[in-house]
Amino acid sequence: GAIDRMAALRAHALEGLRNAVPELVVNGCGAAHIL
């Protein structure tokens, strides 16, 4: 389940960051383990 866990953590991080830092820019997307 490691890949799915990393993908969920990446999504969790993004949600928290967008709420905390509205001007945040996300560069690219794709693999579960890199943000």
All heavy atoms as atom14 arrays in JSON, in Angstrom:
{
  "sequence": "GAIDRMAALRAHALEGLRNAVPELVVNGCGAAHIL",
  "atom14_mask": [
    [1, 1, 1, 1, 0, 0, 0, 0, 0, 0, 0, 0, 0, 0],
    [1, 1, 1, 1, 1, 0, 0, 0, 0, 0, 0, 0, 0, 0],
    [1, 1, 1, 1, 1, 1, 1, 1, 0, 0, 0, 0, 0, 0],
    [1, 1, 1, 1, 1, 1, 1, 1, 0, 0, 0, 0, 0, 0],
    [1, 1, 1, 1, 1, 1, 1, 1, 1, 1, 1, 0, 0, 0],
    [1, 1, 1, 1, 1, 1, 1, 1, 0, 0, 0, 0, 0, 0],
    [1, 1, 1, 1, 1, 0, 0, 0, 0, 0, 0, 0, 0, 0],
    [1, 1, 1, 1, 1, 0, 0, 0, 0, 0, 0, 0, 0, 0],
    [1, 1, 1, 1, 1, 1, 1, 1, 0, 0, 0, 0, 0, 0],
    [1, 1, 1, 1, 1, 1, 1, 1, 1, 1, 1, 0, 0, 0],
    [1, 1, 1, 1, 1, 0, 0, 0, 0, 0, 0, 0, 0, 0],
    [1, 1, 1, 1, 1, 1, 1, 1, 1, 1, 0, 0, 0, 0],
    [1, 1, 1, 1, 1, 0, 0, 0, 0, 0, 0, 0, 0, 0],
    [1, 1, 1, 1, 1, 1, 1, 1, 0, 0, 0, 0, 0, 0],
    [1, 1, 1, 1, 1, 1, 1, 1, 1, 0, 0, 0, 0, 0],
    [1, 1, 1, 1, 0, 0, 0, 0, 0, 0, 0, 0, 0, 0],
    [1, 1, 1, 1, 1, 1, 1, 1, 0, 0, 0, 0, 0, 0],
    [1, 1, 1, 1, 1, 1, 1, 1, 1, 1, 1, 0, 0, 0],
    [1, 1, 1, 1, 1, 1, 1, 1, 0, 0, 0, 0, 0, 0],
    [1, 1, 1, 1, 1, 0, 0, 0, 0, 0, 0, 0, 0, 0],
    [1, 1, 1, 1, 1, 1, 1, 0, 0, 0, 0, 0, 0, 0],
    [1, 1, 1, 1, 1, 1, 1, 0, 0, 0, 0, 0, 0, 0],
    [1, 1, 1, 1, 1, 1, 1, 1, 1, 0, 0, 0, 0, 0],
    [1, 1, 1, 1, 1, 1, 1, 1, 0, 0, 0, 0, 0, 0],
    [1, 1, 1, 1, 1, 1, 1, 0, 0, 0, 0, 0, 0, 0],
    [1, 1, 1, 1, 1, 1, 1, 0, 0, 0, 0, 0, 0, 0],
    [1, 1, 1, 1, 1, 1, 1, 1, 0, 0, 0, 0, 0, 0],
    [1, 1, 1, 1, 0, 0, 0, 0, 0, 0, 0, 0, 0, 0],
    [1, 1, 1, 1, 1, 1, 0, 0, 0, 0, 0, 0, 0, 0],
    [1, 1, 1, 1, 0, 0, 0, 0, 0, 0, 0, 0, 0, 0],
    [1, 1, 1, 1, 1, 0, 0, 0, 0, 0, 0, 0, 0, 0],
    [1, 1, 1, 1, 1, 0, 0, 0, 0, 0, 0, 0, 0, 0],
    [1, 1, 1, 1, 1, 1, 1, 1, 1, 1, 0, 0, 0, 0],
    [1, 1, 1, 1, 1, 1, 1, 1, 0, 0, 0, 0, 0, 0],
    [1, 1, 1, 1, 1, 1, 1, 1, 0, 0, 0, 0, 0, 0]
  ],
  "atom14_positions": [
    [[0.78, -1.23, 0.0], [0.0, 0.0, 0.0], [0.81, 1.27, 0.0], [0.25, 2.37, 0.14], [0.0, 0.0, 0.0], [0.0, 0.0, 0.0], [0.0, 0.0, 0.0], [0.0, 0.0, 0.0], [0.0, 0.0, 0.0], [0.0, 0.0, 0.0], [0.0, 0.0, 0.0], [0.0, 0.0, 0.0], [0.0, 0.0, 0.0], [0.0, 0.0, 0.0]],
    [[2.13, 1.17, -0.18], [3.0, 2.34, -0.02], [2.69, 3.44, -1.02], [2.65, 4.63, -0.66], [4.46, 1.92, -0.13], [0.0, 0.0, 0.0], [0.0, 0.0, 0.0], [0.0, 0.0, 0.0], [0.0, 0.0, 0.0], [0.0, 0.0, 0.0], [0.0, 0.0, 0.0], [0.0, 0.0, 0.0], [0.0, 0.0, 0.0], [0.0, 0.0, 0.0]],
    [[2.47, 3.08, -2.29], [2.22, 4.11, -3.31], [0.94, 4.86, -3.0], [0.89, 6.11, -3.06], [2.15, 3.47, -4.7], [3.5, 2.85, -5.07], [1.76, 4.51, -5.75], [3.47, 2.06, -6.37], [0.0, 0.0, 0.0], [0.0, 0.0, 0.0], [0.0, 0.0, 0.0], [0.0, 0.0, 0.0], [0.0, 0.0, 0.0], [0.0, 0.0, 0.0]],
    [[-0.11, 4.15, -2.63], [-1.37, 4.8, -2.3], [-1.23, 5.69, -1.06], [-1.81, 6.78, -1.0], [-2.46, 3.76, -2.06], [-2.9, 3.07, -3.35], [-2.65, 3.63, -4.44], [-3.48, 1.97, -3.27], [0.0, 0.0, 0.0], [0.0, 0.0, 0.0], [0.0, 0.0, 0.0], [0.0, 0.0, 0.0], [0.0, 0.0, 0.0], [0.0, 0.0, 0.0]],
    [[-0.45, 5.24, -0.08], [-0.24, 6.07, 1.12], [0.48, 7.36, 0.77], [0.11, 8.44, 1.26], [0.56, 5.3, 2.18], [-0.2, 4.19, 2.88], [0.45, 3.84, 4.22], [1.89, 3.66, 4.14], [2.48, 2.51, 3.79], [1.75, 1.46, 3.46], [3.8, 2.43, 3.76], [0.0, 0.0, 0.0], [0.0, 0.0, 0.0], [0.0, 0.0, 0.0]],
    [[1.51, 7.26, -0.05], [2.25, 8.46, -0.44], [1.36, 9.42, -1.23], [1.43, 10.64, -1.04], [3.51, 8.09, -1.22], [4.6, 7.48, -0.36], [6.18, 7.26, -1.22], [5.78, 5.92, -2.35], [0.0, 0.0, 0.0], [0.0, 0.0, 0.0], [0.0, 0.0, 0.0], [0.0, 0.0, 0.0], [0.0, 0.0, 0.0], [0.0, 0.0, 0.0]],
    [[0.54, 8.88, -2.11], [-0.38, 9.73, -2.89], [-1.35, 10.45, -1.96], [-1.64, 11.64, -2.14], [-1.13, 8.89, -3.91], [0.0, 0.0, 0.0], [0.0, 0.0, 0.0], [0.0, 0.0, 0.0], [0.0, 0.0, 0.0], [0.0, 0.0, 0.0], [0.0, 0.0, 0.0], [0.0, 0.0, 0.0], [0.0, 0.0, 0.0], [0.0, 0.0, 0.0]],
    [[-1.86, 9.74, -0.95], [-2.79, 10.36, -0.01], [-2.09, 11.43, 0.82], [-2.66, 12.49, 1.09], [-3.39, 9.29, 0.9], [0.0, 0.0, 0.0], [0.0, 0.0, 0.0], [0.0, 0.0, 0.0], [0.0, 0.0, 0.0], [0.0, 0.0, 0.0], [0.0, 0.0, 0.0], [0.0, 0.0, 0.0], [0.0, 0.0, 0.0], [0.0, 0.0, 0.0]],
    [[-0.85, 11.18, 1.21], [-0.09, 12.17, 1.98], [0.22, 13.39, 1.13], [0.16, 14.53, 1.63], [1.2, 11.55, 2.51], [1.05, 10.55, 3.65], [2.41, 9.9, 3.97], [0.49, 11.23, 4.9], [0.0, 0.0, 0.0], [0.0, 0.0, 0.0], [0.0, 0.0, 0.0], [0.0, 0.0, 0.0], [0.0, 0.0, 0.0], [0.0, 0.0, 0.0]],
    [[0.54, 13.19, -0.14], [0.8, 14.32, -1.03], [-0.45, 15.19, -1.16], [-0.39, 16.42, -1.09], [1.24, 13.79, -2.4], [1.67, 14.86, -3.39], [2.02, 14.2, -4.72], [2.54, 15.16, -5.67], [1.81, 15.96, -6.43], [0.49, 15.92, -6.34], [2.38, 16.8, -7.26], [0.0, 0.0, 0.0], [0.0, 0.0, 0.0], [0.0, 0.0, 0.0]],
    [[-1.62, 14.54, -1.34], [-2.88, 15.28, -1.44], [-3.19, 16.0, -0.14], [-3.67, 17.15, -0.14], [-4.01, 14.32, -1.8], [0.0, 0.0, 0.0], [0.0, 0.0, 0.0], [0.0, 0.0, 0.0], [0.0, 0.0, 0.0], [0.0, 0.0, 0.0], [0.0, 0.0, 0.0], [0.0, 0.0, 0.0], [0.0, 0.0, 0.0], [0.0, 0.0, 0.0]],
    [[-2.91, 15.35, 0.98], [-3.13, 15.96, 2.29], [-2.24, 17.18, 2.47], [-2.7, 18.23, 2.97], [-2.85, 14.92, 3.37], [-3.02, 15.41, 4.77], [-4.25, 15.76, 5.3], [-2.1, 15.63, 5.76], [-4.09, 16.16, 6.56], [-2.8, 16.09, 6.85], [0.0, 0.0, 0.0], [0.0, 0.0, 0.0], [0.0, 0.0, 0.0], [0.0, 0.0, 0.0]],
    [[-0.99, 17.07, 2.05], [-0.07, 18.2, 2.14], [-0.55, 19.37, 1.29], [-0.53, 20.54, 1.74], [1.33, 17.77, 1.71], [0.0, 0.0, 0.0], [0.0, 0.0, 0.0], [0.0, 0.0, 0.0], [0.0, 0.0, 0.0], [0.0, 0.0, 0.0], [0.0, 0.0, 0.0], [0.0, 0.0, 0.0], [0.0, 0.0, 0.0], [0.0, 0.0, 0.0]],
    [[-0.99, 19.07, 0.07], [-1.46, 20.13, -0.82], [-2.67, 20.86, -0.25], [-2.76, 22.09, -0.31], [-1.81, 19.55, -2.19], [-0.72, 19.6, -3.24], [-1.17, 18.9, -4.51], [-0.32, 21.03, -3.53], [0.0, 0.0, 0.0], [0.0, 0.0, 0.0], [0.0, 0.0, 0.0], [0.0, 0.0, 0.0], [0.0, 0.0, 0.0], [0.0, 0.0, 0.0]],
    [[-3.59, 20.09, 0.31], [-4.78, 20.71, 0.89], [-4.39, 21.64, 2.04], [-4.86, 22.78, 2.13], [-5.74, 19.63, 1.4], [-7.03, 20.19, 2.01], [-7.95, 19.11, 2.54], [-7.52, 17.94, 2.62], [-9.09, 19.43, 2.88], [0.0, 0.0, 0.0], [0.0, 0.0, 0.0], [0.0, 0.0, 0.0], [0.0, 0.0, 0.0], [0.0, 0.0, 0.0]],
    [[-3.51, 21.16, 2.9], [-3.08, 21.99, 4.03], [-2.32, 23.22, 3.58], [-2.52, 24.32, 4.12], [0.0, 0.0, 0.0], [0.0, 0.0, 0.0], [0.0, 0.0, 0.0], [0.0, 0.0, 0.0], [0.0, 0.0, 0.0], [0.0, 0.0, 0.0], [0.0, 0.0, 0.0], [0.0, 0.0, 0.0], [0.0, 0.0, 0.0], [0.0, 0.0, 0.0]],
    [[-1.45, 23.07, 2.59], [-0.66, 24.2, 2.11], [-1.53, 25.26, 1.44], [-1.32, 26.46, 1.63], [0.4, 23.71, 1.13], [1.56, 22.9, 1.73], [2.4, 22.28, 0.63], [2.42, 23.78, 2.64], [0.0, 0.0, 0.0], [0.0, 0.0, 0.0], [0.0, 0.0, 0.0], [0.0, 0.0, 0.0], [0.0, 0.0, 0.0], [0.0, 0.0, 0.0]],
    [[-2.5, 24.82, 0.66], [-3.36, 25.79, -0.03], [-4.22, 26.57, 0.95], [-4.54, 27.74, 0.72], [-4.21, 25.06, -1.06], [-3.42, 24.72, -2.32], [-4.2, 23.85, -3.27], [-3.53, 23.76, -4.58], [-3.59, 22.73, -5.38], [-4.32, 21.66, -5.03], [-2.96, 22.73, -6.54], [0.0, 0.0, 0.0], [0.0, 0.0, 0.0], [0.0, 0.0, 0.0]],
    [[-4.59, 25.94, 2.04], [-5.35, 26.64, 3.07], [-4.47, 27.61, 3.85], [-4.91, 28.71, 4.21], [-5.99, 25.64, 4.04], [-7.13, 24.86, 3.39], [-7.77, 25.35, 2.48], [-7.36, 23.65, 3.86], [0.0, 0.0, 0.0], [0.0, 0.0, 0.0], [0.0, 0.0, 0.0], [0.0, 0.0, 0.0], [0.0, 0.0, 0.0], [0.0, 0.0, 0.0]],
    [[-3.22, 27.2, 4.1], [-2.33, 28.01, 4.94], [-1.6, 29.09, 4.16], [-1.29, 30.16, 4.7], [-1.31, 27.1, 5.63], [0.0, 0.0, 0.0], [0.0, 0.0, 0.0], [0.0, 0.0, 0.0], [0.0, 0.0, 0.0], [0.0, 0.0, 0.0], [0.0, 0.0, 0.0], [0.0, 0.0, 0.0], [0.0, 0.0, 0.0], [0.0, 0.0, 0.0]],
    [[-1.32, 28.83, 2.88], [-0.53, 29.76, 2.07], [-1.25, 29.94, 0.73], [-0.95, 29.26, -0.26], [0.89, 29.23, 1.84], [1.75, 30.29, 1.15], [1.54, 28.79, 3.15], [0.0, 0.0, 0.0], [0.0, 0.0, 0.0], [0.0, 0.0, 0.0], [0.0, 0.0, 0.0], [0.0, 0.0, 0.0], [0.0, 0.0, 0.0], [0.0, 0.0, 0.0]],
    [[-2.21, 30.83, 0.64], [-3.05, 30.96, -0.57], [-2.28, 31.24, -1.85], [-2.7, 30.82, -2.93], [-3.99, 32.13, -0.22], [-4.02, 32.15, 1.28], [-2.66, 31.74, 1.72], [0.0, 0.0, 0.0], [0.0, 0.0, 0.0], [0.0, 0.0, 0.0], [0.0, 0.0, 0.0], [0.0, 0.0, 0.0], [0.0, 0.0, 0.0], [0.0, 0.0, 0.0]],
    [[-1.15, 31.95, -1.75], [-0.41, 32.29, -2.97], [0.54, 31.18, -3.43], [1.3, 31.35, -4.39], [0.38, 33.59, -2.78], [1.5, 33.53, -1.75], [1.05, 34.01, -0.39], [-0.04, 33.63, 0.06], [1.82, 34.77, 0.24], [0.0, 0.0, 0.0], [0.0, 0.0, 0.0], [0.0, 0.0, 0.0], [0.0, 0.0, 0.0], [0.0, 0.0, 0.0]],
    [[0.49, 30.03, -2.79], [1.33, 28.91, -3.15], [1.12, 28.51, -4.61], [0.0, 28.47, -5.09], [1.01, 27.72, -2.25], [1.91, 26.49, -2.39], [3.12, 26.63, -1.47], [1.13, 25.22, -2.03], [0.0, 0.0, 0.0], [0.0, 0.0, 0.0], [0.0, 0.0, 0.0], [0.0, 0.0, 0.0], [0.0, 0.0, 0.0], [0.0, 0.0, 0.0]],
    [[2.2, 28.2, -5.32], [2.15, 27.72, -6.71], [2.66, 26.28, -6.72], [3.69, 25.97, -6.12], [3.02, 28.6, -7.63], [3.1, 28.0, -9.03], [2.48, 30.01, -7.68], [0.0, 0.0, 0.0], [0.0, 0.0, 0.0], [0.0, 0.0, 0.0], [0.0, 0.0, 0.0], [0.0, 0.0, 0.0], [0.0, 0.0, 0.0], [0.0, 0.0, 0.0]],
    [[1.93, 25.41, -7.4], [2.35, 24.01, -7.55], [2.98, 23.84, -8.93], [2.39, 24.22, -9.95], [1.15, 23.05, -7.4], [1.6, 21.61, -7.55], [0.48, 23.26, -6.04], [0.0, 0.0, 0.0], [0.0, 0.0, 0.0], [0.0, 0.0, 0.0], [0.0, 0.0, 0.0], [0.0, 0.0, 0.0], [0.0, 0.0, 0.0], [0.0, 0.0, 0.0]],
    [[4.18, 23.29, -8.96], [4.92, 23.11, -10.21], [4.78, 21.68, -10.7], [5.36, 20.76, -10.13], [6.41, 23.41, -9.99], [6.64, 24.78, -9.4], [6.0, 25.75, -9.78], [7.56, 24.87, -8.45], [0.0, 0.0, 0.0], [0.0, 0.0, 0.0], [0.0, 0.0, 0.0], [0.0, 0.0, 0.0], [0.0, 0.0, 0.0], [0.0, 0.0, 0.0]],
    [[4.02, 21.48, -11.76], [3.89, 20.15, -12.31], [3.08, 19.24, -11.42], [2.58, 19.63, -10.37], [0.0, 0.0, 0.0], [0.0, 0.0, 0.0], [0.0, 0.0, 0.0], [0.0, 0.0, 0.0], [0.0, 0.0, 0.0], [0.0, 0.0, 0.0], [0.0, 0.0, 0.0], [0.0, 0.0, 0.0], [0.0, 0.0, 0.0], [0.0, 0.0, 0.0]],
    [[2.97, 18.0, -11.84], [2.24, 17.01, -11.05], [2.57, 15.64, -11.6], [3.21, 15.52, -12.63], [0.73, 17.26, -11.13], [0.06, 17.16, -12.8], [0.0, 0.0, 0.0], [0.0, 0.0, 0.0], [0.0, 0.0, 0.0], [0.0, 0.0, 0.0], [0.0, 0.0, 0.0], [0.0, 0.0, 0.0], [0.0, 0.0, 0.0], [0.0, 0.0, 0.0]],
    [[2.13, 14.61, -10.86], [2.38, 13.27, -11.37], [2.63, 12.26, -10.29], [1.7, 11.76, -9.67], [0.0, 0.0, 0.0], [0.0, 0.0, 0.0], [0.0, 0.0, 0.0], [0.0, 0.0, 0.0], [0.0, 0.0, 0.0], [0.0, 0.0, 0.0], [0.0, 0.0, 0.0], [0.0, 0.0, 0.0], [0.0, 0.0, 0.0], [0.0, 0.0, 0.0]],
    [[3.89, 11.91, -10.03], [4.23, 10.83, -9.12], [3.77, 11.12, -7.71], [3.72, 12.27, -7.27], [5.74, 10.59, -9.15], [0.0, 0.0, 0.0], [0.0, 0.0, 0.0], [0.0, 0.0, 0.0], [0.0, 0.0, 0.0], [0.0, 0.0, 0.0], [0.0, 0.0, 0.0], [0.0, 0.0, 0.0], [0.0, 0.0, 0.0], [0.0, 0.0, 0.0]],
    [[3.47, 10.05, -6.99], [2.88, 10.17, -5.65], [3.84, 10.74, -4.63], [3.4, 11.31, -3.62], [2.4, 8.79, -5.18], [0.0, 0.0, 0.0], [0.0, 0.0, 0.0], [0.0, 0.0, 0.0], [0.0, 0.0, 0.0], [0.0, 0.0, 0.0], [0.0, 0.0, 0.0], [0.0, 0.0, 0.0], [0.0, 0.0, 0.0], [0.0, 0.0, 0.0]],
    [[5.14, 10.63, -4.85], [6.1, 10.93, -3.77], [6.8, 12.27, -3.9], [7.61, 12.61, -3.02], [7.14, 9.82, -3.69], [8.03, 9.7, -4.9], [7.56, 9.34, -6.14], [9.36, 9.9, -5.06], [8.56, 9.32, -7.0], [9.66, 9.66, -6.37], [0.0, 0.0, 0.0], [0.0, 0.0, 0.0], [0.0, 0.0, 0.0], [0.0, 0.0, 0.0]],
    [[6.53, 13.04, -4.96], [7.23, 14.31, -5.16], [6.23, 15.45, -5.28], [5.25, 15.36, -6.02], [8.13, 14.27, -6.41], [9.23, 13.22, -6.24], [8.74, 15.64, -6.69], [10.13, 13.06, -7.45], [0.0, 0.0, 0.0], [0.0, 0.0, 0.0], [0.0, 0.0, 0.0], [0.0, 0.0, 0.0], [0.0, 0.0, 0.0], [0.0, 0.0, 0.0]],
    [[6.5, 16.52, -4.55], [5.67, 17.72, -4.59], [6.59, 18.93, -4.7], [7.4, 19.19, -3.81], [4.82, 17.81, -3.31], [3.97, 19.07, -3.12], [2.96, 19.21, -4.26], [3.26, 19.03, -1.77], [0.0, 0.0, 0.0], [0.0, 0.0, 0.0], [0.0, 0.0, 0.0], [0.0, 0.0, 0.0], [0.0, 0.0, 0.0], [0.0, 0.0, 0.0]]
  ]
}
